[in-house]
Amino acid sequence: MSEVEVRIEEAAIRLGLELERLGNVTAAKVVGQLRERYVRGNPRAWWLDLAVPCTKYDSSNLSLSSVLPSMEGRTFLIPEIDGGTPRL
């Protein structure tokens, strides 16, 4: 497990959040579907050619819960990690 994944898992435990780690095949499918919907072409980094405009938020001024459309249901967190498809 990468350092990023460990830190996310520790934060979830501290906040009392439930994480579901996806298997490699399912994670690759989800990431592929998201790239098809939100990324144009095949840039070296997904954020270099977004299909829709994005909004930047300053985490020092806003909490995540104030930005998310709802705290109900599932939310996918896809961290950038070295060596492989992210699975969180």
N, C-alpha and C. Protein backbone atom coordinates (compact mmCIF):
# COMPACT_ATOMS: atom_id res chain seq x y z
N MET A 1 0.86 -1.18 0.00
CA MET A 1 0.00 0.00 0.00
C MET A 1 0.90 1.23 0.00
N SER A 2 0.55 2.22 -0.84
CA SER A 2 1.35 3.43 -0.94
C SER A 2 1.16 4.32 0.27
N GLU A 3 2.05 5.29 0.44
CA GLU A 3 1.94 6.25 1.54
C GLU A 3 0.64 7.04 1.46
N VAL A 4 0.23 7.40 0.25
CA VAL A 4 -1.02 8.14 0.06
C VAL A 4 -2.20 7.30 0.54
N GLU A 5 -2.22 6.03 0.17
CA GLU A 5 -3.32 5.15 0.59
C GLU A 5 -3.35 4.97 2.11
N VAL A 6 -2.19 4.85 2.71
CA VAL A 6 -2.11 4.72 4.17
C VAL A 6 -2.67 5.97 4.84
N ARG A 7 -2.28 7.14 4.34
CA ARG A 7 -2.77 8.40 4.93
C ARG A 7 -4.28 8.55 4.77
N ILE A 8 -4.82 8.14 3.62
CA ILE A 8 -6.27 8.21 3.41
C ILE A 8 -6.98 7.26 4.37
N GLU A 9 -6.45 6.07 4.51
CA GLU A 9 -7.05 5.09 5.42
C GLU A 9 -7.03 5.58 6.87
N GLU A 10 -5.91 6.16 7.29
CA GLU A 10 -5.81 6.70 8.65
C GLU A 10 -6.80 7.84 8.87
N ALA A 11 -6.94 8.71 7.88
CA ALA A 11 -7.90 9.83 7.99
C ALA A 11 -9.33 9.31 8.08
N ALA A 12 -9.66 8.30 7.29
CA ALA A 12 -11.00 7.73 7.33
C ALA A 12 -11.30 7.13 8.70
N ILE A 13 -10.33 6.46 9.28
CA ILE A 13 -10.52 5.87 10.61
C ILE A 13 -10.75 6.98 11.63
N ARG A 14 -9.92 8.04 11.59
CA ARG A 14 -10.08 9.15 12.53
C ARG A 14 -11.45 9.82 12.39
N LEU A 15 -11.96 9.90 11.15
CA LEU A 15 -13.24 10.57 10.90
C LEU A 15 -14.43 9.63 11.00
N GLY A 16 -14.17 8.36 11.21
CA GLY A 16 -15.26 7.39 11.32
C GLY A 16 -15.94 7.11 9.99
N LEU A 17 -15.20 7.23 8.90
CA LEU A 17 -15.76 6.99 7.57
C LEU A 17 -15.47 5.56 7.12
N GLU A 18 -16.38 5.00 6.38
CA GLU A 18 -16.20 3.65 5.86
C GLU A 18 -15.61 3.72 4.46
N LEU A 19 -14.53 2.98 4.23
CA LEU A 19 -13.90 2.91 2.92
C LEU A 19 -14.16 1.55 2.30
N GLU A 20 -14.38 1.55 1.02
CA GLU A 20 -14.46 0.30 0.27
C GLU A 20 -13.36 0.33 -0.76
N ARG A 21 -12.40 -0.55 -0.63
CA ARG A 21 -11.29 -0.61 -1.57
C ARG A 21 -11.71 -1.48 -2.75
N LEU A 22 -11.64 -0.93 -3.95
CA LEU A 22 -12.03 -1.67 -5.14
C LEU A 22 -10.92 -2.61 -5.59
N GLY A 23 -11.30 -3.71 -6.17
CA GLY A 23 -10.32 -4.61 -6.76
C GLY A 23 -9.72 -3.98 -8.00
N ASN A 24 -8.60 -4.50 -8.47
CA ASN A 24 -7.89 -3.90 -9.61
C ASN A 24 -8.75 -3.80 -10.86
N VAL A 25 -9.51 -4.84 -11.17
CA VAL A 25 -10.33 -4.84 -12.39
C VAL A 25 -11.43 -3.80 -12.29
N THR A 26 -12.13 -3.77 -11.17
CA THR A 26 -13.21 -2.79 -10.97
C THR A 26 -12.66 -1.37 -10.94
N ALA A 27 -11.53 -1.17 -10.26
CA ALA A 27 -10.92 0.16 -10.20
C ALA A 27 -10.54 0.65 -11.59
N ALA A 28 -9.94 -0.21 -12.40
CA ALA A 28 -9.55 0.18 -13.75
C ALA A 28 -10.78 0.54 -14.58
N LYS A 29 -11.88 -0.20 -14.39
CA LYS A 29 -13.12 0.08 -15.11
C LYS A 29 -13.69 1.45 -14.71
N VAL A 30 -13.74 1.72 -13.42
CA VAL A 30 -14.26 3.01 -12.93
C VAL A 30 -13.40 4.16 -13.43
N VAL A 31 -12.09 4.04 -13.31
CA VAL A 31 -11.18 5.09 -13.78
C VAL A 31 -11.35 5.30 -15.28
N GLY A 32 -11.46 4.22 -16.04
CA GLY A 32 -11.66 4.32 -17.48
C GLY A 32 -12.95 5.05 -17.84
N GLN A 33 -14.04 4.73 -17.13
CA GLN A 33 -15.31 5.39 -17.39
C GLN A 33 -15.25 6.88 -17.04
N LEU A 34 -14.58 7.20 -15.95
CA LEU A 34 -14.45 8.61 -15.56
C LEU A 34 -13.60 9.37 -16.56
N ARG A 35 -12.52 8.76 -17.04
CA ARG A 35 -11.68 9.42 -18.05
C ARG A 35 -12.47 9.66 -19.33
N GLU A 36 -13.29 8.68 -19.75
CA GLU A 36 -14.11 8.85 -20.96
C GLU A 36 -15.07 10.02 -20.81
N ARG A 37 -15.62 10.19 -19.63
CA ARG A 37 -16.62 11.23 -19.41
C ARG A 37 -16.01 12.61 -19.19
N TYR A 38 -14.89 12.68 -18.48
CA TYR A 38 -14.38 13.97 -18.03
C TYR A 38 -13.06 14.42 -18.65
N VAL A 39 -12.40 13.57 -19.44
CA VAL A 39 -11.08 13.93 -20.00
C VAL A 39 -11.12 13.79 -21.51
N ARG A 40 -10.60 14.80 -22.21
CA ARG A 40 -10.50 14.73 -23.67
C ARG A 40 -9.17 14.07 -24.04
N GLY A 41 -9.24 13.17 -24.99
CA GLY A 41 -8.01 12.54 -25.49
C GLY A 41 -7.31 11.70 -24.43
N ASN A 42 -5.99 11.67 -24.54
CA ASN A 42 -5.19 10.88 -23.61
C ASN A 42 -3.98 11.70 -23.15
N PRO A 43 -4.22 12.78 -22.40
CA PRO A 43 -3.10 13.61 -21.95
C PRO A 43 -2.23 12.83 -20.94
N ARG A 44 -0.98 13.27 -20.77
CA ARG A 44 -0.09 12.56 -19.83
C ARG A 44 -0.60 12.65 -18.39
N ALA A 45 -1.33 13.69 -18.07
CA ALA A 45 -1.98 13.83 -16.77
C ALA A 45 -3.43 14.22 -17.04
N TRP A 46 -4.38 13.57 -16.41
CA TRP A 46 -5.81 13.76 -16.71
C TRP A 46 -6.26 15.20 -16.59
N TRP A 47 -5.68 15.96 -15.67
CA TRP A 47 -6.14 17.33 -15.45
C TRP A 47 -5.67 18.32 -16.52
N LEU A 48 -4.85 17.87 -17.45
CA LEU A 48 -4.35 18.77 -18.49
C LEU A 48 -5.36 19.02 -19.61
N ASP A 49 -6.38 18.18 -19.73
CA ASP A 49 -7.37 18.37 -20.80
C ASP A 49 -8.75 17.91 -20.35
N LEU A 50 -9.32 18.62 -19.40
CA LEU A 50 -10.65 18.28 -18.90
C LEU A 50 -11.72 18.63 -19.93
N ALA A 51 -12.74 17.78 -20.03
CA ALA A 51 -13.82 17.97 -20.99
C ALA A 51 -14.80 19.06 -20.54
N VAL A 52 -14.85 19.32 -19.25
CA VAL A 52 -15.74 20.35 -18.71
C VAL A 52 -14.92 21.29 -17.83
N PRO A 53 -15.35 22.54 -17.71
CA PRO A 53 -14.62 23.46 -16.84
C PRO A 53 -14.61 22.96 -15.39
N CYS A 54 -13.56 23.26 -14.68
CA CYS A 54 -13.48 22.84 -13.28
C CYS A 54 -13.45 24.07 -12.38
N THR A 55 -13.69 23.82 -11.11
CA THR A 55 -13.65 24.87 -10.11
C THR A 55 -12.57 24.52 -9.11
N LYS A 56 -11.74 25.48 -8.76
CA LYS A 56 -10.69 25.26 -7.77
C LYS A 56 -11.18 25.77 -6.42
N TYR A 57 -10.98 24.96 -5.39
CA TYR A 57 -11.38 25.32 -4.04
C TYR A 57 -10.15 25.41 -3.15
N ASP A 58 -10.15 26.36 -2.26
CA ASP A 58 -9.06 26.53 -1.30
C ASP A 58 -9.45 25.79 -0.02
N SER A 59 -8.77 24.70 0.27
CA SER A 59 -9.13 23.87 1.42
C SER A 59 -8.90 24.58 2.75
N SER A 60 -8.16 25.67 2.75
CA SER A 60 -7.99 26.41 4.01
C SER A 60 -9.22 27.26 4.32
N ASN A 61 -10.06 27.49 3.30
CA ASN A 61 -11.26 28.31 3.51
C ASN A 61 -12.57 27.52 3.46
N LEU A 62 -12.53 26.33 2.87
CA LEU A 62 -13.75 25.53 2.70
C LEU A 62 -13.52 24.10 3.17
N SER A 63 -14.56 23.52 3.73
CA SER A 63 -14.49 22.10 4.09
C SER A 63 -15.00 21.27 2.93
N LEU A 64 -14.59 20.03 2.86
CA LEU A 64 -15.04 19.15 1.79
C LEU A 64 -16.56 19.00 1.79
N SER A 65 -17.16 18.91 2.98
CA SER A 65 -18.61 18.74 3.06
C SER A 65 -19.36 19.94 2.51
N SER A 66 -18.76 21.13 2.49
CA SER A 66 -19.44 22.30 1.94
C SER A 66 -19.35 22.35 0.42
N VAL A 67 -18.47 21.54 -0.17
CA VAL A 67 -18.28 21.52 -1.62
C VAL A 67 -19.05 20.38 -2.27
N LEU A 68 -19.13 19.25 -1.59
CA LEU A 68 -19.83 18.10 -2.16
C LEU A 68 -21.32 18.40 -2.31
N PRO A 69 -21.94 17.92 -3.39
CA PRO A 69 -23.36 18.18 -3.57
C PRO A 69 -24.22 17.49 -2.52
N SER A 70 -23.74 16.41 -1.95
CA SER A 70 -24.51 15.67 -0.95
C SER A 70 -23.56 14.83 -0.10
N MET A 71 -23.92 14.63 1.14
CA MET A 71 -23.13 13.74 1.99
C MET A 71 -23.76 12.36 2.02
N GLU A 72 -24.77 12.14 1.19
CA GLU A 72 -25.46 10.85 1.09
C GLU A 72 -24.90 10.08 -0.09
N GLY A 73 -24.96 8.77 -0.02
CA GLY A 73 -24.55 7.95 -1.15
C GLY A 73 -23.05 7.75 -1.22
N ARG A 74 -22.61 7.19 -2.33
CA ARG A 74 -21.20 6.85 -2.52
C ARG A 74 -20.44 7.99 -3.16
N THR A 75 -19.20 8.12 -2.76
CA THR A 75 -18.28 9.08 -3.36
C THR A 75 -17.00 8.34 -3.69
N PHE A 76 -16.49 8.54 -4.89
CA PHE A 76 -15.24 7.90 -5.28
C PHE A 76 -14.10 8.87 -5.05
N LEU A 77 -13.09 8.41 -4.34
CA LEU A 77 -11.86 9.16 -4.16
C LEU A 77 -10.80 8.40 -4.94
N ILE A 78 -10.21 9.06 -5.92
CA ILE A 78 -9.23 8.40 -6.78
C ILE A 78 -7.91 9.15 -6.63
N PRO A 79 -7.08 8.72 -5.68
CA PRO A 79 -5.80 9.41 -5.46
C PRO A 79 -4.79 9.07 -6.56
N GLU A 80 -3.92 10.00 -6.82
CA GLU A 80 -2.79 9.76 -7.73
C GLU A 80 -1.71 9.03 -6.93
N ILE A 81 -1.39 7.83 -7.35
CA ILE A 81 -0.34 7.06 -6.68
C ILE A 81 0.65 6.55 -7.71
N ASP A 82 1.85 6.33 -7.28
CA ASP A 82 2.87 5.78 -8.19
C ASP A 82 2.67 4.28 -8.33
N GLY A 83 2.80 3.81 -9.55
CA GLY A 83 2.81 2.36 -9.78
C GLY A 83 1.46 1.69 -9.67
N GLY A 84 0.57 1.93 -10.58
CA GLY A 84 -0.66 1.17 -10.62
C GLY A 84 -1.92 2.01 -10.56
N THR A 85 -3.03 1.33 -10.72
CA THR A 85 -4.34 1.98 -10.69
C THR A 85 -4.75 2.20 -9.24
N PRO A 86 -5.16 3.41 -8.90
CA PRO A 86 -5.64 3.66 -7.54
C PRO A 86 -6.89 2.84 -7.27
N ARG A 87 -7.09 2.41 -6.02
CA ARG A 87 -8.20 1.53 -5.71
C ARG A 87 -9.08 2.06 -4.60
N LEU A 88 -8.96 3.31 -4.20
CA LEU A 88 -9.82 3.85 -3.15
C LEU A 88 -10.93 4.66 -3.76
